C-alpha atoms as a PDB file:
ATOM      1  CA  MET A   1       0.306 -19.400  -2.002  1.00  0.00           C
ATOM      2  CA  SER A   2       1.548 -18.186  -5.378  1.00  0.00           C
ATOM      3  CA  VAL A   3       5.189 -16.571  -6.111  1.00  0.00           C
ATOM      4  CA  GLY A   4       3.243 -13.385  -7.078  1.00  0.00           C
ATOM      5  CA  GLU A   5       0.880 -13.110  -3.899  1.00  0.00           C
ATOM      6  CA  ILE A   6       4.392 -13.385  -1.942  1.00  0.00           C
ATOM      7  CA  GLU A   7       5.861 -10.667  -4.291  1.00  0.00           C
ATOM      8  CA  LEU A   8       2.316  -8.609  -4.221  1.00  0.00           C
ATOM      9  CA  GLU A   9       2.469  -8.900  -0.314  1.00  0.00           C
ATOM     10  CA  GLU A  10       6.577  -7.964   0.095  1.00  0.00           C
ATOM     11  CA  PHE A  11       5.915  -4.526  -2.144  1.00  0.00           C
ATOM     12  CA  GLU A  12       2.893  -3.782  -0.282  1.00  0.00           C
ATOM     13  CA  SER A  13       5.231  -4.018   3.046  1.00  0.00           C
ATOM     14  CA  LEU A  14       7.766  -1.735   1.298  1.00  0.00           C
ATOM     15  CA  PHE A  15       5.630   0.976  -0.076  1.00  0.00           C
ATOM     16  CA  GLY A  16       3.822   1.199   3.686  1.00  0.00           C
ATOM     17  CA  SER A  17       7.187   1.077   5.120  1.00  0.00           C
ATOM     18  CA  LEU A  18       8.325   4.336   3.294  1.00  0.00           C
ATOM     19  CA  ALA A  19       4.964   5.956   3.043  1.00  0.00           C
ATOM     20  CA  VAL A  20       4.871   6.241   6.924  1.00  0.00           C
ATOM     21  CA  LYS A  21       9.168   6.557   6.892  1.00  0.00           C
ATOM     22  CA  LYS A  22       8.812   9.707   3.987  1.00  0.00           C
ATOM     23  CA  GLY A  23       5.804  11.045   6.611  1.00  0.00           C
ATOM     24  CA  PHE A  24       3.248  10.652   4.650  1.00  0.00           C
ATOM     25  CA  ILE A  25       0.989   8.502   7.065  1.00  0.00           C
ATOM     26  CA  THR A  26       1.178   6.536   9.920  1.00  0.00           C
ATOM     27  CA  SER A  27       1.928   2.866  10.469  1.00  0.00           C
ATOM     28  CA  GLU A  28      -2.186   3.548  11.872  1.00  0.00           C
ATOM     29  CA  GLU A  29      -3.358   4.449   8.582  1.00  0.00           C
ATOM     30  CA  PHE A  30      -1.157   1.739   6.477  1.00  0.00           C
ATOM     31  CA  VAL A  31      -2.747  -0.993   8.705  1.00  0.00           C
ATOM     32  CA  GLN A  32      -5.589   0.142   8.607  1.00  0.00           C
ATOM     33  CA  ALA A  33      -5.764   0.145   5.042  1.00  0.00           C
ATOM     34  CA  LEU A  34      -4.145  -3.090   4.963  1.00  0.00           C
ATOM     35  CA  GLU A  35      -7.715  -4.308   7.012  1.00  0.00           C
ATOM     36  CA  LYS A  36      -9.428  -2.418   4.684  1.00  0.00           C
ATOM     37  CA  GLN A  37      -8.004  -4.061   1.503  1.00  0.00           C
ATOM     38  CA  VAL A  38      -8.387  -7.645   3.650  1.00  0.00           C
ATOM     39  CA  TYR A  39     -12.049  -6.843   3.860  1.00  0.00           C
ATOM     40  CA  GLU A  40     -12.523  -6.116   0.783  1.00  0.00           C
ATOM     41  CA  GLU A  41     -10.978  -8.931  -0.634  1.00  0.00           C
ATOM     42  CA  ILE A  42     -13.191 -11.440   1.166  1.00  0.00           C
ATOM     43  CA  GLU A  43     -16.303  -9.705   0.613  1.00  0.00           C
ATOM     44  CA  ASN A  44     -15.561  -8.866  -3.235  1.00  0.00           C
ATOM     45  CA  GLY A  45     -13.128 -11.241  -3.748  1.00  0.00           C
ATOM     46  CA  SER A  46     -10.517  -9.298  -5.159  1.00  0.00           C
ATOM     47  CA  LEU A  47      -7.787  -7.187  -4.118  1.00  0.00           C
ATOM     48  CA  ARG A  48      -7.190  -3.757  -4.219  1.00  0.00           C
ATOM     49  CA  PRO A  49      -3.607  -1.935  -3.864  1.00  0.00           C
ATOM     50  CA  VAL A  50      -3.412  -0.520  -0.369  1.00  0.00           C
ATOM     51  CA  ALA A  51      -2.378   2.930  -2.015  1.00  0.00           C
ATOM     52  CA  SER A  52      -5.497   3.108  -3.885  1.00  0.00           C
ATOM     53  CA  ILE A  53      -6.684   2.496  -0.690  1.00  0.00           C
ATOM     54  CA  LEU A  54      -4.921   5.581   1.327  1.00  0.00           C
ATOM     55  CA  GLN A  55      -5.858   7.701  -1.142  1.00  0.00           C
ATOM     56  CA  GLU A  56      -9.668   6.701  -1.709  1.00  0.00           C
ATOM     57  CA  VAL A  57      -9.858   7.488   1.922  1.00  0.00           C
ATOM     58  CA  GLY A  58      -7.225  11.273   1.742  1.00  0.00           C
ATOM     59  CA  CYS A  59      -4.646   9.792   3.856  1.00  0.00           C
ATOM     60  CA  ILE A  60      -1.792  10.229   0.531  1.00  0.00           C
ATOM     61  CA  THR A  61      -1.719  12.122  -2.457  1.00  0.00           C
ATOM     62  CA  SER A  62      -1.133  10.682  -6.109  1.00  0.00           C
ATOM     63  CA  LEU A  63       1.812  12.918  -5.844  1.00  0.00           C
ATOM     64  CA  GLN A  64       2.880  11.144  -2.962  1.00  0.00           C
ATOM     65  CA  ILE A  65       2.356   7.657  -4.574  1.00  0.00           C
ATOM     66  CA  ASP A  66       3.889   8.249  -7.645  1.00  0.00           C
ATOM     67  CA  ASP A  67       7.003   9.649  -5.359  1.00  0.00           C
ATOM     68  CA  ILE A  68       7.109   6.273  -3.100  1.00  0.00           C
ATOM     69  CA  PHE A  69       6.822   3.725  -6.436  1.00  0.00           C
ATOM     70  CA  GLU A  70      10.119   6.319  -7.699  1.00  0.00           C
ATOM     71  CA  THR A  71      11.714   5.794  -4.753  1.00  0.00           C
ATOM     72  CA  LEU A  72      11.395   1.782  -4.597  1.00  0.00           C
ATOM     73  CA  MET A  73      12.262   1.813  -8.823  1.00  0.00           C
ATOM     74  CA  GLU A  74      15.835   3.044  -7.531  1.00  0.00           C
ATOM     75  CA  THR A  75      16.418   0.489  -5.052  1.00  0.00           C
ATOM     76  CA  LYS A  76      15.981  -2.040  -7.533  1.00  0.00           C
END
């Protein structure tokens, strides 16, 4: 596992935790999105951001994603 992959996993985890904390999604929705992400990676050989998956299935809006990204950038 490369450093980039570790950073991506940490980012995905922070994104999901913050989305749940803000009440945008449930923890179950986050877990389902992660499962879909892994399945797609196995099937297609590419890793799609969990935010994209959550938006595609209607769990989160682009404005909520932007809000989470802004909060994550503020904490750095």
